[in-house]
C-alpha atoms as a PDB file:
ATOM      1  CA  UNK A   1      95.920  37.380 -59.300  1.00  0.00           C
ATOM      2  CA  UNK A   2      97.373  33.824 -58.597  1.00  0.00           C
ATOM      3  CA  UNK A   3     101.149  34.733 -58.317  1.00  0.00           C
ATOM      4  CA  UNK A   4     100.788  36.809 -55.992  1.00  0.00           C
ATOM      5  CA  UNK A   5      98.844  34.410 -54.413  1.00  0.00           C
ATOM      6  CA  UNK A   6     101.735  32.263 -54.753  1.00  0.00           C
ATOM      7  CA  UNK A   7     104.810  34.641 -53.714  1.00  0.00           C
ATOM      8  CA  UNK A   8     102.615  34.783 -50.015  1.00  0.00           C
ATOM      9  CA  UNK A   9     102.355  30.935 -50.061  1.00  0.00           C
ATOM     10  CA  UNK A  10     105.765  30.817 -50.250  1.00  0.00           C
ATOM     11  CA  UNK A  11     107.169  33.344 -48.303  1.00  0.00           C
ATOM     12  CA  UNK A  12     105.082  31.173 -45.415  1.00  0.00           C
ATOM     13  CA  UNK A  13     106.153  27.047 -46.305  1.00  0.00           C
ATOM     14  CA  UNK A  14     109.497  28.860 -46.554  1.00  0.00           C
ATOM     15  CA  UNK A  15     109.167  30.724 -43.572  1.00  0.00           C
ATOM     16  CA  UNK A  16     108.204  27.955 -41.155  1.00  0.00           C
ATOM     17  CA  UNK A  17     110.840  25.315 -42.294  1.00  0.00           C
ATOM     18  CA  UNK A  18     113.700  27.994 -41.404  1.00  0.00           C
ATOM     19  CA  UNK A  19     111.795  28.407 -37.931  1.00  0.00           C
ATOM     20  CA  UNK A  20     114.583  26.776 -35.446  1.00  0.00           C
ATOM     21  CA  UNK A  21     113.929  24.785 -32.105  1.00  0.00           C
ATOM     22  CA  UNK A  22     112.361  27.404 -29.549  1.00  0.00           C
ATOM     23  CA  UNK A  23     111.717  29.485 -32.638  1.00  0.00           C
ATOM     24  CA  UNK A  24     108.287  31.224 -33.704  1.00  0.00           C
ATOM     25  CA  UNK A  25     107.714  32.393 -36.918  1.00  0.00           C
ATOM     26  CA  UNK A  26     110.642  33.321 -40.191  1.00  0.00           C
ATOM     27  CA  UNK A  27     109.109  34.875 -43.224  1.00  0.00           C
ATOM     28  CA  UNK A  28     110.982  37.212 -45.209  1.00  0.00           C
ATOM     29  CA  UNK A  29     109.098  39.474 -47.139  1.00  0.00           C
ATOM     30  CA  UNK A  30     109.792  42.474 -48.742  1.00  0.00           C
ATOM     31  CA  UNK A  31     112.852  42.428 -48.313  1.00  0.00           C
ATOM     32  CA  UNK A  32     113.169  41.845 -44.292  1.00  0.00           C
ATOM     33  CA  UNK A  33     113.668  39.144 -42.832  1.00  0.00           C
ATOM     34  CA  UNK A  34     110.808  38.935 -39.847  1.00  0.00           C
ATOM     35  CA  UNK A  35     111.168  36.296 -37.249  1.00  0.00           C
ATOM     36  CA  UNK A  36     109.702  36.143 -33.404  1.00  0.00           C
ATOM     37  CA  UNK A  37     112.230  34.551 -31.175  1.00  0.00           C
ATOM     38  CA  UNK A  38     111.294  33.071 -28.123  1.00  0.00           C
ATOM     39  CA  UNK A  39     114.029  35.023 -26.104  1.00  0.00           C
ATOM     40  CA  UNK A  40     113.776  38.399 -23.800  1.00  0.00           C
ATOM     41  CA  UNK A  41     113.758  41.002 -26.080  1.00  0.00           C
ATOM     42  CA  UNK A  42     116.986  42.169 -23.441  1.00  0.00           C
ATOM     43  CA  UNK A  43     118.529  39.579 -25.061  1.00  0.00           C
ATOM     44  CA  UNK A  44     117.762  38.766 -28.527  1.00  0.00           C
ATOM     45  CA  UNK A  45     119.937  42.557 -27.999  1.00  0.00           C
ATOM     46  CA  UNK A  46     122.472  41.778 -26.628  1.00  0.00           C
ATOM     47  CA  UNK A  47     122.369  38.398 -29.771  1.00  0.00           C
ATOM     48  CA  UNK A  48     122.176  40.942 -32.506  1.00  0.00           C
ATOM     49  CA  UNK A  49     124.695  43.932 -30.830  1.00  0.00           C
ATOM     50  CA  UNK A  50     127.918  40.421 -31.122  1.00  0.00           C
ATOM     51  CA  UNK A  51     126.695  39.420 -34.072  1.00  0.00           C
ATOM     52  CA  UNK A  52     127.400  42.875 -36.028  1.00  0.00           C
ATOM     53  CA  UNK A  53     130.462  43.420 -34.176  1.00  0.00           C
ATOM     54  CA  UNK A  54     131.285  39.385 -34.642  1.00  0.00           C
ATOM     55  CA  UNK A  55     130.729  39.795 -38.335  1.00  0.00           C
ATOM     56  CA  UNK A  56     133.136  43.092 -38.387  1.00  0.00           C
ATOM     57  CA  UNK A  57     130.095  45.547 -39.130  1.00  0.00           C
ATOM     58  CA  UNK A  58     130.626  48.683 -37.846  1.00  0.00           C
ATOM     59  CA  UNK A  59     127.167  49.737 -36.026  1.00  0.00           C
ATOM     60  CA  UNK A  60     126.795  53.650 -36.259  1.00  0.00           C
ATOM     61  CA  UNK A  61     123.287  53.440 -34.798  1.00  0.00           C
ATOM     62  CA  UNK A  62     121.684  52.022 -31.149  1.00  0.00           C
ATOM     63  CA  UNK A  63     118.146  52.733 -29.822  1.00  0.00           C
ATOM     64  CA  UNK A  64     116.350  51.240 -27.399  1.00  0.00           C
ATOM     65  CA  UNK A  65     114.253  51.193 -24.098  1.00  0.00           C
ATOM     66  CA  UNK A  66     112.142  48.340 -22.627  1.00  0.00           C
ATOM     67  CA  UNK A  67     109.275  47.517 -25.380  1.00  0.00           C
ATOM     68  CA  UNK A  68     111.930  48.610 -28.954  1.00  0.00           C
ATOM     69  CA  UNK A  69     115.016  48.948 -30.039  1.00  0.00           C
ATOM     70  CA  UNK A  70     117.018  49.658 -32.905  1.00  0.00           C
ATOM     71  CA  UNK A  71     120.546  48.668 -34.133  1.00  0.00           C
ATOM     72  CA  UNK A  72     122.229  50.080 -37.506  1.00  0.00           C
ATOM     73  CA  UNK A  73     125.338  49.373 -39.060  1.00  0.00           C
ATOM     74  CA  UNK A  74     127.369  49.518 -41.929  1.00  0.00           C
ATOM     75  CA  UNK A  75     128.587  46.724 -43.802  1.00  0.00           C
ATOM     76  CA  UNK A  76     132.156  46.750 -45.530  1.00  0.00           C
ATOM     77  CA  UNK A  77     130.811  47.376 -48.897  1.00  0.00           C
ATOM     78  CA  UNK A  78     129.001  50.628 -47.182  1.00  0.00           C
ATOM     79  CA  UNK A  79     125.438  48.968 -47.203  1.00  0.00           C
ATOM     80  CA  UNK A  80     122.997  49.628 -43.742  1.00  0.00           C
ATOM     81  CA  UNK A  81     121.954  46.502 -41.922  1.00  0.00           C
ATOM     82  CA  UNK A  82     118.980  47.611 -39.181  1.00  0.00           C
ATOM     83  CA  UNK A  83     117.976  45.354 -36.782  1.00  0.00           C
ATOM     84  CA  UNK A  84     114.321  46.209 -35.312  1.00  0.00           C
ATOM     85  CA  UNK A  85     113.589  44.602 -31.940  1.00  0.00           C
ATOM     86  CA  UNK A  86     110.054  44.282 -30.703  1.00  0.00           C
ATOM     87  CA  UNK A  87     109.081  42.550 -27.608  1.00  0.00           C
ATOM     88  CA  UNK A  88     105.716  41.053 -27.775  1.00  0.00           C
ATOM     89  CA  UNK A  89     105.974  39.133 -24.581  1.00  0.00           C
ATOM     90  CA  UNK A  90     107.836  38.376 -21.641  1.00  0.00           C
ATOM     91  CA  UNK A  91     109.851  35.953 -23.077  1.00  0.00           C
ATOM     92  CA  UNK A  92     108.774  36.847 -27.435  1.00  0.00           C
ATOM     93  CA  UNK A  93     110.769  39.057 -28.810  1.00  0.00           C
ATOM     94  CA  UNK A  94     110.297  39.695 -32.266  1.00  0.00           C
ATOM     95  CA  UNK A  95     113.257  40.601 -34.974  1.00  0.00           C
ATOM     96  CA  UNK A  96     113.073  42.288 -37.914  1.00  0.00           C
ATOM     97  CA  UNK A  97     116.849  42.116 -40.378  1.00  0.00           C
ATOM     98  CA  UNK A  98     117.409  44.205 -43.408  1.00  0.00           C
ATOM     99  CA  UNK A  99     120.143  44.474 -45.331  1.00  0.00           C
ATOM    100  CA  UNK A 100     120.234  47.159 -48.456  1.00  0.00           C
ATOM    101  CA  UNK A 101     117.899  48.819 -49.333  1.00  0.00           C
ATOM    102  CA  UNK A 102     116.307  46.547 -51.313  1.00  0.00           C
ATOM    103  CA  UNK A 103     117.215  43.679 -49.273  1.00  0.00           C
ATOM    104  CA  UNK A 104     119.166  40.570 -48.860  1.00  0.00           C
ATOM    105  CA  UNK A 105     117.626  37.347 -47.371  1.00  0.00           C
ATOM    106  CA  UNK A 106     120.740  34.892 -47.512  1.00  0.00           C
ATOM    107  CA  UNK A 107     122.891  38.107 -44.850  1.00  0.00           C
ATOM    108  CA  UNK A 108     119.635  38.725 -43.281  1.00  0.00           C
ATOM    109  CA  UNK A 109     119.322  35.149 -42.445  1.00  0.00           C
ATOM    110  CA  UNK A 110     122.816  34.431 -41.484  1.00  0.00           C
ATOM    111  CA  UNK A 111     122.564  37.484 -38.913  1.00  0.00           C
ATOM    112  CA  UNK A 112     119.771  35.906 -37.496  1.00  0.00           C
ATOM    113  CA  UNK A 113     120.859  32.015 -37.426  1.00  0.00           C
ATOM    114  CA  UNK A 114     124.230  33.768 -35.291  1.00  0.00           C
ATOM    115  CA  UNK A 115     122.370  35.500 -33.616  1.00  0.00           C
ATOM    116  CA  UNK A 116     120.337  32.642 -32.309  1.00  0.00           C
ATOM    117  CA  UNK A 117     123.858  30.669 -31.296  1.00  0.00           C
ATOM    118  CA  UNK A 118     124.200  33.595 -28.864  1.00  0.00           C
ATOM    119  CA  UNK A 119     120.734  33.252 -26.887  1.00  0.00           C
END
């Protein structure tokens, strides 16, 4: 029980420390990086798509409407990269990033960092 509690607290501590200026919370939970971004969904979408392309990933799926979106790409190692977007307000978008089946925190955080450079 203590292990589960400590694991959850660690994610919250790391998430809070990783949040950048103008961004909300960031947490890596069960293989997925979850972040609340202070941008509209269209801006987040464009940043995500440009980031995947610039990093050399091949986009295999794009779905988007006014409220939700999803980008799926393949990496050099054939791992699937998935970025989901959900509008939470006029200038608030939830972004979820998963790399591979089990997740890759380092690559997920790199993708988010590069996305933020485009806001």
